[in-house]
Amino acid sequence: MKITGLLTDDAVLAELGERIAGRRVEMQLTQAAVAEQAGIAKRTLERMESGQTSQLGTLVRVLRVLDAASGLDGLIPESGPRPMDLLKQKGKVRQRASGKRTAQATGKSWRWDEKP
């Protein structure tokens, strides 16, 4: 199954668990062996493979053992300044997000007769 934004969190966890279990079986590793190499309890790996939640650090450890940690690079692409943003900011890189601007912050005054 393809993991998309339309799936529930539980469905995504179940799919990831199935993929971890499938990769482990392909590599002919037991749950005990993977757990030992990852430095986690066998029961923790069993829970991961059954689609239950786990800590992110645990996932990374298991993926390293299964030689699949390089796939994490594609999860969230590296962000960097866009060329037009650099021009607007005169080469300075943003350090924080400013959020959405409200009417008060933009200098517009609000009136009672305005509709939202």
PDB file of N, CA and C in Angstrom:
ATOM      1  N   MET A   1       0.843  -1.168   0.000  1.00  0.00           N
ATOM      2  CA  MET A   1       0.000   0.000   0.000  1.00  0.00           C
ATOM      3  C   MET A   1       0.896   1.240   0.000  1.00  0.00           C
ATOM      4  N   LYS A   2       0.488   2.225  -0.730  1.00  0.00           N
ATOM      5  CA  LYS A   2       1.232   3.479  -0.790  1.00  0.00           C
ATOM      6  C   LYS A   2       0.832   4.353   0.396  1.00  0.00           C
ATOM      7  N   ILE A   3       1.804   4.920   1.060  1.00  0.00           N
ATOM      8  CA  ILE A   3       1.527   5.791   2.195  1.00  0.00           C
ATOM      9  C   ILE A   3       1.250   7.193   1.665  1.00  0.00           C
ATOM     10  N   THR A   4       0.040   7.672   1.933  1.00  0.00           N
ATOM     11  CA  THR A   4      -0.355   9.006   1.487  1.00  0.00           C
ATOM     12  C   THR A   4      -0.923   9.771   2.672  1.00  0.00           C
ATOM     13  N   GLY A   5      -1.185  11.043   2.458  1.00  0.00           N
ATOM     14  CA  GLY A   5      -1.773  11.878   3.492  1.00  0.00           C
ATOM     15  C   GLY A   5      -3.211  11.526   3.798  1.00  0.00           C
ATOM     16  N   LEU A   6      -3.819  10.687   2.975  1.00  0.00           N
ATOM     17  CA  LEU A   6      -5.216  10.309   3.198  1.00  0.00           C
ATOM     18  C   LEU A   6      -5.362   9.187   4.223  1.00  0.00           C
ATOM     19  N   LEU A   7      -4.288   8.482   4.518  1.00  0.00           N
ATOM     20  CA  LEU A   7      -4.343   7.380   5.474  1.00  0.00           C
ATOM     21  C   LEU A   7      -4.385   7.906   6.903  1.00  0.00           C
ATOM     22  N   THR A   8      -5.017   7.144   7.770  1.00  0.00           N
ATOM     23  CA  THR A   8      -5.011   7.500   9.185  1.00  0.00           C
ATOM     24  C   THR A   8      -3.625   7.212   9.765  1.00  0.00           C
ATOM     25  N   ASP A   9      -3.365   7.784  10.923  1.00  0.00           N
ATOM     26  CA  ASP A   9      -2.086   7.527  11.588  1.00  0.00           C
ATOM     27  C   ASP A   9      -1.908   6.036  11.859  1.00  0.00           C
ATOM     28  N   ASP A  10      -2.971   5.389  12.309  1.00  0.00           N
ATOM     29  CA  ASP A  10      -2.896   3.952  12.593  1.00  0.00           C
ATOM     30  C   ASP A  10      -2.577   3.148  11.334  1.00  0.00           C
ATOM     31  N   ALA A  11      -3.150   3.543  10.207  1.00  0.00           N
ATOM     32  CA  ALA A  11      -2.887   2.841   8.950  1.00  0.00           C
ATOM     33  C   ALA A  11      -1.432   3.032   8.514  1.00  0.00           C
ATOM     34  N   VAL A  12      -0.899   4.225   8.713  1.00  0.00           N
ATOM     35  CA  VAL A  12       0.502   4.486   8.365  1.00  0.00           C
ATOM     36  C   VAL A  12       1.419   3.656   9.248  1.00  0.00           C
ATOM     37  N   LEU A  13       1.132   3.621  10.551  1.00  0.00           N
ATOM     38  CA  LEU A  13       1.951   2.823  11.468  1.00  0.00           C
ATOM     39  C   LEU A  13       1.893   1.338  11.115  1.00  0.00           C
ATOM     40  N   ALA A  14       0.710   0.860  10.763  1.00  0.00           N
ATOM     41  CA  ALA A  14       0.566  -0.549  10.374  1.00  0.00           C
ATOM     42  C   ALA A  14       1.375  -0.851   9.117  1.00  0.00           C
ATOM     43  N   GLU A  15       1.327   0.044   8.144  1.00  0.00           N
ATOM     44  CA  GLU A  15       2.086  -0.162   6.903  1.00  0.00           C
ATOM     45  C   GLU A  15       3.592  -0.131   7.172  1.00  0.00           C
ATOM     46  N   LEU A  16       4.037   0.812   7.987  1.00  0.00           N
ATOM     47  CA  LEU A  16       5.464   0.865   8.323  1.00  0.00           C
ATOM     48  C   LEU A  16       5.893  -0.404   9.049  1.00  0.00           C
ATOM     49  N   GLY A  17       5.053  -0.881   9.954  1.00  0.00           N
ATOM     50  CA  GLY A  17       5.358  -2.121  10.671  1.00  0.00           C
ATOM     51  C   GLY A  17       5.488  -3.298   9.731  1.00  0.00           C
ATOM     52  N   GLU A  18       4.577  -3.384   8.767  1.00  0.00           N
ATOM     53  CA  GLU A  18       4.639  -4.472   7.785  1.00  0.00           C
ATOM     54  C   GLU A  18       5.915  -4.376   6.949  1.00  0.00           C
ATOM     55  N   ARG A  19       6.288  -3.164   6.584  1.00  0.00           N
ATOM     56  CA  ARG A  19       7.506  -2.987   5.771  1.00  0.00           C
ATOM     57  C   ARG A  19       8.750  -3.349   6.562  1.00  0.00           C
ATOM     58  N   ILE A  20       8.780  -2.981   7.835  1.00  0.00           N
ATOM     59  CA  ILE A  20       9.928  -3.333   8.682  1.00  0.00           C
ATOM     60  C   ILE A  20      10.022  -4.850   8.809  1.00  0.00           C
ATOM     61  N   ALA A  21       8.894  -5.489   9.072  1.00  0.00           N
ATOM     62  CA  ALA A  21       8.883  -6.951   9.196  1.00  0.00           C
ATOM     63  C   ALA A  21       9.297  -7.608   7.879  1.00  0.00           C
ATOM     64  N   GLY A  22       8.799  -7.096   6.764  1.00  0.00           N
ATOM     65  CA  GLY A  22       9.157  -7.654   5.461  1.00  0.00           C
ATOM     66  C   GLY A  22      10.637  -7.523   5.169  1.00  0.00           C
ATOM     67  N   ARG A  23      11.199  -6.368   5.486  1.00  0.00           N
ATOM     68  CA  ARG A  23      12.631  -6.146   5.261  1.00  0.00           C
ATOM     69  C   ARG A  23      13.457  -7.079   6.146  1.00  0.00           C
ATOM     70  N   ARG A  24      13.032  -7.250   7.381  1.00  0.00           N
ATOM     71  CA  ARG A  24      13.733  -8.131   8.313  1.00  0.00           C
ATOM     72  C   ARG A  24      13.735  -9.570   7.791  1.00  0.00           C
ATOM     73  N   VAL A  25      12.587 -10.030   7.302  1.00  0.00           N
ATOM     74  CA  VAL A  25      12.486 -11.397   6.775  1.00  0.00           C
ATOM     75  C   VAL A  25      13.334 -11.547   5.515  1.00  0.00           C
ATOM     76  N   GLU A  26      13.319 -10.525   4.638  1.00  0.00           N
ATOM     77  CA  GLU A  26      14.166 -10.563   3.425  1.00  0.00           C
ATOM     78  C   GLU A  26      15.628 -10.740   3.785  1.00  0.00           C
ATOM     79  N   MET A  27      16.052 -10.084   4.876  1.00  0.00           N
ATOM     80  CA  MET A  27      17.444 -10.154   5.298  1.00  0.00           C
ATOM     81  C   MET A  27      17.721 -11.401   6.140  1.00  0.00           C
ATOM     82  N   GLN A  28      16.691 -12.230   6.319  1.00  0.00           N
ATOM     83  CA  GLN A  28      16.788 -13.467   7.083  1.00  0.00           C
ATOM     84  C   GLN A  28      17.291 -13.227   8.506  1.00  0.00           C
ATOM     85  N   LEU A  29      16.699 -12.200   9.142  1.00  0.00           N
ATOM     86  CA  LEU A  29      17.040 -11.874  10.520  1.00  0.00           C
ATOM     87  C   LEU A  29      15.840 -12.151  11.417  1.00  0.00           C
ATOM     88  N   THR A  30      16.111 -12.676  12.598  1.00  0.00           N
ATOM     89  CA  THR A  30      15.036 -12.886  13.560  1.00  0.00           C
ATOM     90  C   THR A  30      14.741 -11.577  14.281  1.00  0.00           C
ATOM     91  N   GLN A  31      13.585 -11.521  14.916  1.00  0.00           N
ATOM     92  CA  GLN A  31      13.256 -10.331  15.707  1.00  0.00           C
ATOM     93  C   GLN A  31      14.280 -10.147  16.816  1.00  0.00           C
ATOM     94  N   ALA A  32      14.696 -11.244  17.424  1.00  0.00           N
ATOM     95  CA  ALA A  32      15.676 -11.171  18.504  1.00  0.00           C
ATOM     96  C   ALA A  32      17.003 -10.593  18.015  1.00  0.00           C
ATOM     97  N   ALA A  33      17.432 -11.005  16.825  1.00  0.00           N
ATOM     98  CA  ALA A  33      18.707 -10.521  16.283  1.00  0.00           C
ATOM     99  C   ALA A  33      18.641  -9.026  15.974  1.00  0.00           C
ATOM    100  N   VAL A  34      17.563  -8.597  15.355  1.00  0.00           N
ATOM    101  CA  VAL A  34      17.421  -7.171  15.028  1.00  0.00           C
ATOM    102  C   VAL A  34      17.359  -6.352  16.307  1.00  0.00           C
ATOM    103  N   ALA A  35      16.573  -6.812  17.264  1.00  0.00           N
ATOM    104  CA  ALA A  35      16.438  -6.090  18.527  1.00  0.00           C
ATOM    105  C   ALA A  35      17.783  -5.962  19.237  1.00  0.00           C
ATOM    106  N   GLU A  36      18.539  -7.042  19.249  1.00  0.00           N
ATOM    107  CA  GLU A  36      19.841  -7.016  19.911  1.00  0.00           C
ATOM    108  C   GLU A  36      20.793  -6.031  19.219  1.00  0.00           C
ATOM    109  N   GLN A  37      20.842  -6.090  17.894  1.00  0.00           N
ATOM    110  CA  GLN A  37      21.729  -5.194  17.153  1.00  0.00           C
ATOM    111  C   GLN A  37      21.299  -3.730  17.291  1.00  0.00           C
ATOM    112  N   ALA A  38      19.997  -3.494  17.420  1.00  0.00           N
ATOM    113  CA  ALA A  38      19.493  -2.125  17.553  1.00  0.00           C
ATOM    114  C   ALA A  38      19.565  -1.623  18.992  1.00  0.00           C
ATOM    115  N   GLY A  39      19.815  -2.532  19.922  1.00  0.00           N
ATOM    116  CA  GLY A  39      19.898  -2.146  21.323  1.00  0.00           C
ATOM    117  C   GLY A  39      18.529  -1.870  21.941  1.00  0.00           C
ATOM    118  N   ILE A  40      17.529  -2.608  21.481  1.00  0.00           N
ATOM    119  CA  ILE A  40      16.174  -2.459  22.010  1.00  0.00           C
ATOM    120  C   ILE A  40      15.660  -3.818  22.448  1.00  0.00           C
ATOM    121  N   ALA A  41      14.555  -3.824  23.168  1.00  0.00           N
ATOM    122  CA  ALA A  41      13.947  -5.085  23.590  1.00  0.00           C
ATOM    123  C   ALA A  41      13.231  -5.731  22.399  1.00  0.00           C
ATOM    124  N   LYS A  42      13.191  -7.055  22.413  1.00  0.00           N
ATOM    125  CA  LYS A  42      12.489  -7.781  21.349  1.00  0.00           C
ATOM    126  C   LYS A  42      11.023  -7.378  21.328  1.00  0.00           C
ATOM    127  N   ARG A  43      10.433  -7.174  22.491  1.00  0.00           N
ATOM    128  CA  ARG A  43       9.023  -6.775  22.576  1.00  0.00           C
ATOM    129  C   ARG A  43       8.796  -5.414  21.906  1.00  0.00           C
ATOM    130  N   THR A  44       9.767  -4.518  21.986  1.00  0.00           N
ATOM    131  CA  THR A  44       9.649  -3.213  21.328  1.00  0.00           C
ATOM    132  C   THR A  44       9.573  -3.397  19.817  1.00  0.00           C
ATOM    133  N   LEU A  45      10.415  -4.270  19.280  1.00  0.00           N
ATOM    134  CA  LEU A  45      10.379  -4.546  17.840  1.00  0.00           C
ATOM    135  C   LEU A  45       9.063  -5.211  17.456  1.00  0.00           C
ATOM    136  N   GLU A  46       8.583  -6.116  18.286  1.00  0.00           N
ATOM    137  CA  GLU A  46       7.295  -6.764  18.019  1.00  0.00           C
ATOM    138  C   GLU A  46       6.180  -5.719  17.938  1.00  0.00           C
ATOM    139  N   ARG A  47       6.198  -4.751  18.847  1.00  0.00           N
ATOM    140  CA  ARG A  47       5.180  -3.693  18.833  1.00  0.00           C
ATOM    141  C   ARG A  47       5.297  -2.834  17.582  1.00  0.00           C
ATOM    142  N   MET A  48       6.521  -2.516  17.182  1.00  0.00           N
ATOM    143  CA  MET A  48       6.714  -1.724  15.963  1.00  0.00           C
ATOM    144  C   MET A  48       6.149  -2.458  14.758  1.00  0.00           C
ATOM    145  N   GLU A  49       6.474  -3.736  14.651  1.00  0.00           N
ATOM    146  CA  GLU A  49       6.032  -4.516  13.503  1.00  0.00           C
ATOM    147  C   GLU A  49       4.514  -4.721  13.493  1.00  0.00           C
ATOM    148  N   SER A  50       3.882  -4.610  14.655  1.00  0.00           N
ATOM    149  CA  SER A  50       2.423  -4.765  14.702  1.00  0.00           C
ATOM    150  C   SER A  50       1.708  -3.427  14.512  1.00  0.00           C
ATOM    151  N   GLY A  51       2.466  -2.355  14.276  1.00  0.00           N
ATOM    152  CA  GLY A  51       1.854  -1.069  13.973  1.00  0.00           C
ATOM    153  C   GLY A  51       1.579  -0.189  15.168  1.00  0.00           C
ATOM    154  N   GLN A  52       2.171  -0.513  16.306  1.00  0.00           N
ATOM    155  CA  GLN A  52       1.997   0.329  17.477  1.00  0.00           C
ATOM    156  C   GLN A  52       3.039   1.442  17.468  1.00  0.00           C
ATOM    157  N   THR A  53       2.798   2.478  18.239  1.00  0.00           N
ATOM    158  CA  THR A  53       3.703   3.624  18.247  1.00  0.00           C
ATOM    159  C   THR A  53       5.031   3.262  18.909  1.00  0.00           C
ATOM    160  N   SER A  54       6.051   3.990  18.529  1.00  0.00           N
ATOM    161  CA  SER A  54       7.363   3.834  19.144  1.00  0.00           C
ATOM    162  C   SER A  54       8.087   5.166  19.039  1.00  0.00           C
ATOM    163  N   GLN A  55       9.193   5.252  19.696  1.00  0.00           N
ATOM    164  CA  GLN A  55       9.970   6.486  19.656  1.00  0.00           C
ATOM    165  C   GLN A  55      10.721   6.587  18.336  1.00  0.00           C
ATOM    166  N   LEU A  56      10.939   7.811  17.921  1.00  0.00           N
ATOM    167  CA  LEU A  56      11.629   8.054  16.661  1.00  0.00           C
ATOM    168  C   LEU A  56      13.051   7.497  16.689  1.00  0.00           C
ATOM    169  N   GLY A  57      13.719   7.630  17.815  1.00  0.00           N
ATOM    170  CA  GLY A  57      15.075   7.093  17.937  1.00  0.00           C
ATOM    171  C   GLY A  57      15.117   5.586  17.756  1.00  0.00           C
ATOM    172  N   THR A  58      14.083   4.918  18.239  1.00  0.00           N
ATOM    173  CA  THR A  58      13.992   3.469  18.084  1.00  0.00           C
ATOM    174  C   THR A  58      13.833   3.100  16.620  1.00  0.00           C
ATOM    175  N   LEU A  59      13.010   3.849  15.909  1.00  0.00           N
ATOM    176  CA  LEU A  59      12.826   3.607  14.473  1.00  0.00           C
ATOM    177  C   LEU A  59      14.151   3.758  13.731  1.00  0.00           C
ATOM    178  N   VAL A  60      14.889   4.793  14.045  1.00  0.00           N
ATOM    179  CA  VAL A  60      16.179   5.024  13.382  1.00  0.00           C
ATOM    180  C   VAL A  60      17.131   3.865  13.656  1.00  0.00           C
ATOM    181  N   ARG A  61      17.184   3.393  14.891  1.00  0.00           N
ATOM    182  CA  ARG A  61      18.066   2.264  15.226  1.00  0.00           C
ATOM    183  C   ARG A  61      17.708   1.018  14.421  1.00  0.00           C
ATOM    184  N   VAL A  62      16.414   0.723  14.350  1.00  0.00           N
ATOM    185  CA  VAL A  62      15.970  -0.467  13.616  1.00  0.00           C
ATOM    186  C   VAL A  62      16.281  -0.323  12.132  1.00  0.00           C
ATOM    187  N   LEU A  63      16.040   0.868  11.573  1.00  0.00           N
ATOM    188  CA  LEU A  63      16.323   1.076  10.154  1.00  0.00           C
ATOM    189  C   LEU A  63      17.810   0.952   9.850  1.00  0.00           C
ATOM    190  N   ARG A  64      18.665   1.349  10.786  1.00  0.00           N
ATOM    191  CA  ARG A  64      20.115   1.164  10.591  1.00  0.00           C
ATOM    192  C   ARG A  64      20.460  -0.318  10.494  1.00  0.00           C
ATOM    193  N   VAL A  65      19.896  -1.114  11.392  1.00  0.00           N
ATOM    194  CA  VAL A  65      20.162  -2.557  11.380  1.00  0.00           C
ATOM    195  C   VAL A  65      19.675  -3.173  10.074  1.00  0.00           C
ATOM    196  N   LEU A  66      18.541  -2.698   9.573  1.00  0.00           N
ATOM    197  CA  LEU A  66      17.959  -3.247   8.347  1.00  0.00           C
ATOM    198  C   LEU A  66      18.526  -2.591   7.093  1.00  0.00           C
ATOM    199  N   ASP A  67      19.566  -1.795   7.258  1.00  0.00           N
ATOM    200  CA  ASP A  67      20.250  -1.110   6.160  1.00  0.00           C
ATOM    201  C   ASP A  67      19.257  -0.275   5.334  1.00  0.00           C
ATOM    202  N   ALA A  68      18.342   0.409   6.030  1.00  0.00           N
ATOM    203  CA  ALA A  68      17.345   1.217   5.351  1.00  0.00           C
ATOM    204  C   ALA A  68      17.329   2.665   5.851  1.00  0.00           C
ATOM    205  N   ALA A  69      18.318   3.050   6.658  1.00  0.00           N
ATOM    206  CA  ALA A  69      18.344   4.396   7.222  1.00  0.00           C
ATOM    207  C   ALA A  69      18.540   5.473   6.158  1.00  0.00           C
ATOM    208  N   SER A  70      19.152   5.118   5.037  1.00  0.00           N
ATOM    209  CA  SER A  70      19.372   6.120   3.982  1.00  0.00           C
ATOM    210  C   SER A  70      18.050   6.611   3.402  1.00  0.00           C
ATOM    211  N   GLY A  71      16.988   5.806   3.534  1.00  0.00           N
ATOM    212  CA  GLY A  71      15.673   6.207   3.052  1.00  0.00           C
ATOM    213  C   GLY A  71      15.077   7.356   3.846  1.00  0.00           C
ATOM    214  N   LEU A  72      15.596   7.609   5.041  1.00  0.00           N
ATOM    215  CA  LEU A  72      15.092   8.713   5.863  1.00  0.00           C
ATOM    216  C   LEU A  72      15.374  10.073   5.228  1.00  0.00           C
ATOM    217  N   ASP A  73      16.390  10.130   4.392  1.00  0.00           N
ATOM    218  CA  ASP A  73      16.753  11.403   3.765  1.00  0.00           C
ATOM    219  C   ASP A  73      15.620  11.947   2.904  1.00  0.00           C
ATOM    220  N   GLY A  74      14.833  11.064   2.321  1.00  0.00           N
ATOM    221  CA  GLY A  74      13.743  11.503   1.459  1.00  0.00           C
ATOM    222  C   GLY A  74      12.460  11.856   2.214  1.00  0.00           C
ATOM    223  N   LEU A  75      12.417  11.571   3.515  1.00  0.00           N
ATOM    224  CA  LEU A  75      11.208  11.850   4.291  1.00  0.00           C
ATOM    225  C   LEU A  75      10.835  13.326   4.283  1.00  0.00           C
ATOM    226  N   ILE A  76      11.765  14.139   4.685  1.00  0.00           N
ATOM    227  CA  ILE A  76      11.544  15.584   4.722  1.00  0.00           C
ATOM    228  C   ILE A  76      12.712  16.219   3.992  1.00  0.00           C
ATOM    229  N   PRO A  77      12.446  16.807   2.828  1.00  0.00           N
ATOM    230  CA  PRO A  77      13.548  17.382   2.059  1.00  0.00           C
ATOM    231  C   PRO A  77      14.233  18.516   2.827  1.00  0.00           C
ATOM    232  N   GLU A  78      15.514  18.642   2.586  1.00  0.00           N
ATOM    233  CA  GLU A  78      16.245  19.746   3.201  1.00  0.00           C
ATOM    234  C   GLU A  78      15.657  21.056   2.698  1.00  0.00           C
ATOM    235  N   SER A  79      15.527  21.985   3.613  1.00  0.00           N
ATOM    236  CA  SER A  79      15.020  23.291   3.190  1.00  0.00           C
ATOM    237  C   SER A  79      16.191  24.251   3.113  1.00  0.00           C
ATOM    238  N   GLY A  80      16.059  25.173   2.237  1.00  0.00           N
ATOM    239  CA  GLY A  80      17.086  26.185   2.078  1.00  0.00           C
ATOM    240  C   GLY A  80      16.432  27.447   1.564  1.00  0.00           C
ATOM    241  N   PRO A  81      17.132  28.523   1.626  1.00  0.00           N
ATOM    242  CA  PRO A  81      16.538  29.777   1.153  1.00  0.00           C
ATOM    243  C   PRO A  81      16.322  29.746  -0.356  1.00  0.00           C
ATOM    244  N   ARG A  82      15.179  30.259  -0.759  1.00  0.00           N
ATOM    245  CA  ARG A  82      14.899  30.356  -2.186  1.00  0.00           C
ATOM    246  C   ARG A  82      15.599  31.599  -2.729  1.00  0.00           C
ATOM    247  N   PRO A  83      16.029  31.570  -3.969  1.00  0.00           N
ATOM    248  CA  PRO A  83      16.777  32.702  -4.526  1.00  0.00           C
ATOM    249  C   PRO A  83      16.039  34.040  -4.404  1.00  0.00           C
ATOM    250  N   MET A  84      14.739  34.053  -4.643  1.00  0.00           N
ATOM    251  CA  MET A  84      13.995  35.315  -4.549  1.00  0.00           C
ATOM    252  C   MET A  84      13.934  35.814  -3.112  1.00  0.00           C
ATOM    253  N   ASP A  85      13.850  34.891  -2.155  1.00  0.00           N
ATOM    254  CA  ASP A  85      13.853  35.294  -0.751  1.00  0.00           C
ATOM    255  C   ASP A  85      15.189  35.914  -0.367  1.00  0.00           C
ATOM    256  N   LEU A  86      16.275  35.338  -0.883  1.00  0.00           N
ATOM    257  CA  LEU A  86      17.590  35.905  -0.598  1.00  0.00           C
ATOM    258  C   LEU A  86      17.704  37.328  -1.138  1.00  0.00           C
ATOM    259  N   LEU A  87      17.153  37.556  -2.330  1.00  0.00           N
ATOM    260  CA  LEU A  87      17.185  38.906  -2.893  1.00  0.00           C
ATOM    261  C   LEU A  87      16.391  39.881  -2.028  1.00  0.00           C
ATOM    262  N   LYS A  88      15.208  39.469  -1.611  1.00  0.00           N
ATOM    263  CA  LYS A  88      14.367  40.334  -0.776  1.00  0.00           C
ATOM    264  C   LYS A  88      15.019  40.622   0.560  1.00  0.00           C
ATOM    265  N   GLN A  89      15.726  39.653   1.105  1.00  0.00           N
ATOM    266  CA  GLN A  89      16.332  39.808   2.427  1.00  0.00           C
ATOM    267  C   GLN A  89      17.792  40.241   2.340  1.00  0.00           C
ATOM    268  N   LYS A  90      18.210  40.615   1.154  1.00  0.00           N
ATOM    269  CA  LYS A  90      19.573  41.113   0.914  1.00  0.00           C
ATOM    270  C   LYS A  90      20.639  40.131   1.398  1.00  0.00           C
ATOM    271  N   GLY A  91      20.413  38.838   1.088  1.00  0.00           N
ATOM    272  CA  GLY A  91      21.406  37.812   1.380  1.00  0.00           C
ATOM    273  C   GLY A  91      21.336  37.240   2.782  1.00  0.00           C
ATOM    274  N   LYS A  92      20.509  37.805   3.656  1.00  0.00           N
ATOM    275  CA  LYS A  92      20.411  37.290   5.026  1.00  0.00           C
ATOM    276  C   LYS A  92      19.466  36.091   5.047  1.00  0.00           C
ATOM    277  N   VAL A  93      19.830  35.076   5.810  1.00  0.00           N
ATOM    278  CA  VAL A  93      19.013  33.878   5.932  1.00  0.00           C
ATOM    279  C   VAL A  93      18.068  34.040   7.122  1.00  0.00           C
ATOM    280  N   ARG A  94      16.788  33.698   6.916  1.00  0.00           N
ATOM    281  CA  ARG A  94      15.796  33.818   7.990  1.00  0.00           C
ATOM    282  C   ARG A  94      16.137  32.876   9.133  1.00  0.00           C
ATOM    283  N   GLN A  95      15.924  33.343  10.345  1.00  0.00           N
ATOM    284  CA  GLN A  95      16.196  32.542  11.531  1.00  0.00           C
ATOM    285  C   GLN A  95      14.922  32.005  12.174  1.00  0.00           C
ATOM    286  N   ARG A  96      13.763  32.632  11.885  1.00  0.00           N
ATOM    287  CA  ARG A  96      12.507  32.188  12.485  1.00  0.00           C
ATOM    288  C   ARG A  96      11.338  32.539  11.593  1.00  0.00           C
ATOM    289  N   ALA A  97      10.223  31.888  11.837  1.00  0.00           N
ATOM    290  CA  ALA A  97       9.009  32.152  11.081  1.00  0.00           C
ATOM    291  C   ALA A  97       8.230  33.267  11.768  1.00  0.00           C
ATOM    292  N   SER A  98       7.615  34.116  10.968  1.00  0.00           N
ATOM    293  CA  SER A  98       6.888  35.239  11.549  1.00  0.00           C
ATOM    294  C   SER A  98       5.412  34.960  11.720  1.00  0.00           C
ATOM    295  N   GLY A  99       4.898  33.918  11.117  1.00  0.00           N
ATOM    296  CA  GLY A  99       3.481  33.601  11.228  1.00  0.00           C
ATOM    297  C   GLY A  99       2.658  34.451  10.282  1.00  0.00           C
ATOM    298  N   LYS A 100       1.349  34.314  10.376  1.00  0.00           N
ATOM    299  CA  LYS A 100       0.451  35.073   9.508  1.00  0.00           C
ATOM    300  C   LYS A 100       0.255  36.468  10.075  1.00  0.00           C
ATOM    301  N   ARG A 101       0.138  37.424   9.186  1.00  0.00           N
ATOM    302  CA  ARG A 101      -0.069  38.805   9.614  1.00  0.00           C
ATOM    303  C   ARG A 101      -1.557  39.065   9.822  1.00  0.00           C
ATOM    304  N   THR A 102      -1.880  39.755  10.883  1.00  0.00           N
ATOM    305  CA  THR A 102      -3.262  40.136  11.149  1.00  0.00           C
ATOM    306  C   THR A 102      -3.490  41.561  10.670  1.00  0.00           C
ATOM    307  N   ALA A 103      -4.732  41.983  10.635  1.00  0.00           N
ATOM    308  CA  ALA A 103      -5.047  43.338  10.204  1.00  0.00           C
ATOM    309  C   ALA A 103      -4.363  44.360  11.107  1.00  0.00           C
ATOM    310  N   GLN A 104      -4.289  44.087  12.401  1.00  0.00           N
ATOM    311  CA  GLN A 104      -3.658  45.005  13.336  1.00  0.00           C
ATOM    312  C   GLN A 104      -2.160  45.139  13.031  1.00  0.00           C
ATOM    313  N   ALA A 105      -1.499  44.036  12.704  1.00  0.00           N
ATOM    314  CA  ALA A 105      -0.070  44.064  12.420  1.00  0.00           C
ATOM    315  C   ALA A 105       0.236  44.751  11.091  1.00  0.00           C
ATOM    316  N   THR A 106      -0.708  44.732  10.151  1.00  0.00           N
ATOM    317  CA  THR A 106      -0.452  45.343   8.854  1.00  0.00           C
ATOM    318  C   THR A 106      -0.799  46.824   8.843  1.00  0.00           C
ATOM    319  N   GLY A 107      -1.331  47.327   9.949  1.00  0.00           N
ATOM    320  CA  GLY A 107      -1.640  48.755  10.024  1.00  0.00           C
ATOM    321  C   GLY A 107      -3.062  49.092   9.616  1.00  0.00           C
ATOM    322  N   LYS A 108      -3.834  48.128   9.143  1.00  0.00           N
ATOM    323  CA  LYS A 108      -5.227  48.386   8.798  1.00  0.00           C
ATOM    324  C   LYS A 108      -6.029  48.482  10.079  1.00  0.00           C
ATOM    325  N   SER A 109      -6.914  49.425  10.128  1.00  0.00           N
ATOM    326  CA  SER A 109      -7.766  49.505  11.303  1.00  0.00           C
ATOM    327  C   SER A 109      -9.060  48.756  11.027  1.00  0.00           C
ATOM    328  N   TRP A 110      -9.600  48.153  12.043  1.00  0.00           N
ATOM    329  CA  TRP A 110     -10.818  47.375  11.913  1.00  0.00           C
ATOM    330  C   TRP A 110     -11.997  48.271  12.247  1.00  0.00           C
ATOM    331  N   ARG A 111     -13.106  48.079  11.533  1.00  0.00           N
ATOM    332  CA  ARG A 111     -14.313  48.868  11.793  1.00  0.00           C
ATOM    333  C   ARG A 111     -15.464  47.925  12.079  1.00  0.00           C
ATOM    334  N   TRP A 112     -16.467  48.400  12.858  1.00  0.00           N
ATOM    335  CA  TRP A 112     -17.607  47.585  13.217  1.00  0.00           C
ATOM    336  C   TRP A 112     -18.460  47.194  12.020  1.00  0.00           C
ATOM    337  N   ASP A 113     -18.505  48.020  11.021  1.00  0.00           N
ATOM    338  CA  ASP A 113     -19.389  47.712   9.874  1.00  0.00           C
ATOM    339  C   ASP A 113     -18.746  46.788   8.847  1.00  0.00           C
ATOM    340  N   GLU A 114     -17.503  46.369   9.058  1.00  0.00           N
ATOM    341  CA  GLU A 114     -16.846  45.443   8.128  1.00  0.00           C
ATOM    342  C   GLU A 114     -17.344  44.025   8.350  1.00  0.00           C
ATOM    343  N   LYS A 115     -17.458  43.291   7.267  1.00  0.00           N
ATOM    344  CA  LYS A 115     -17.837  41.879   7.353  1.00  0.00           C
ATOM    345  C   LYS A 115     -16.561  41.040   7.380  1.00  0.00           C
ATOM    346  N   PRO A 116     -16.583  39.941   8.151  1.00  0.00           N
ATOM    347  CA  PRO A 116     -15.382  39.094   8.223  1.00  0.00           C
ATOM    348  C   PRO A 116     -15.087  38.388   6.931  1.00  0.00           C
TER     349      PRO A 116
END
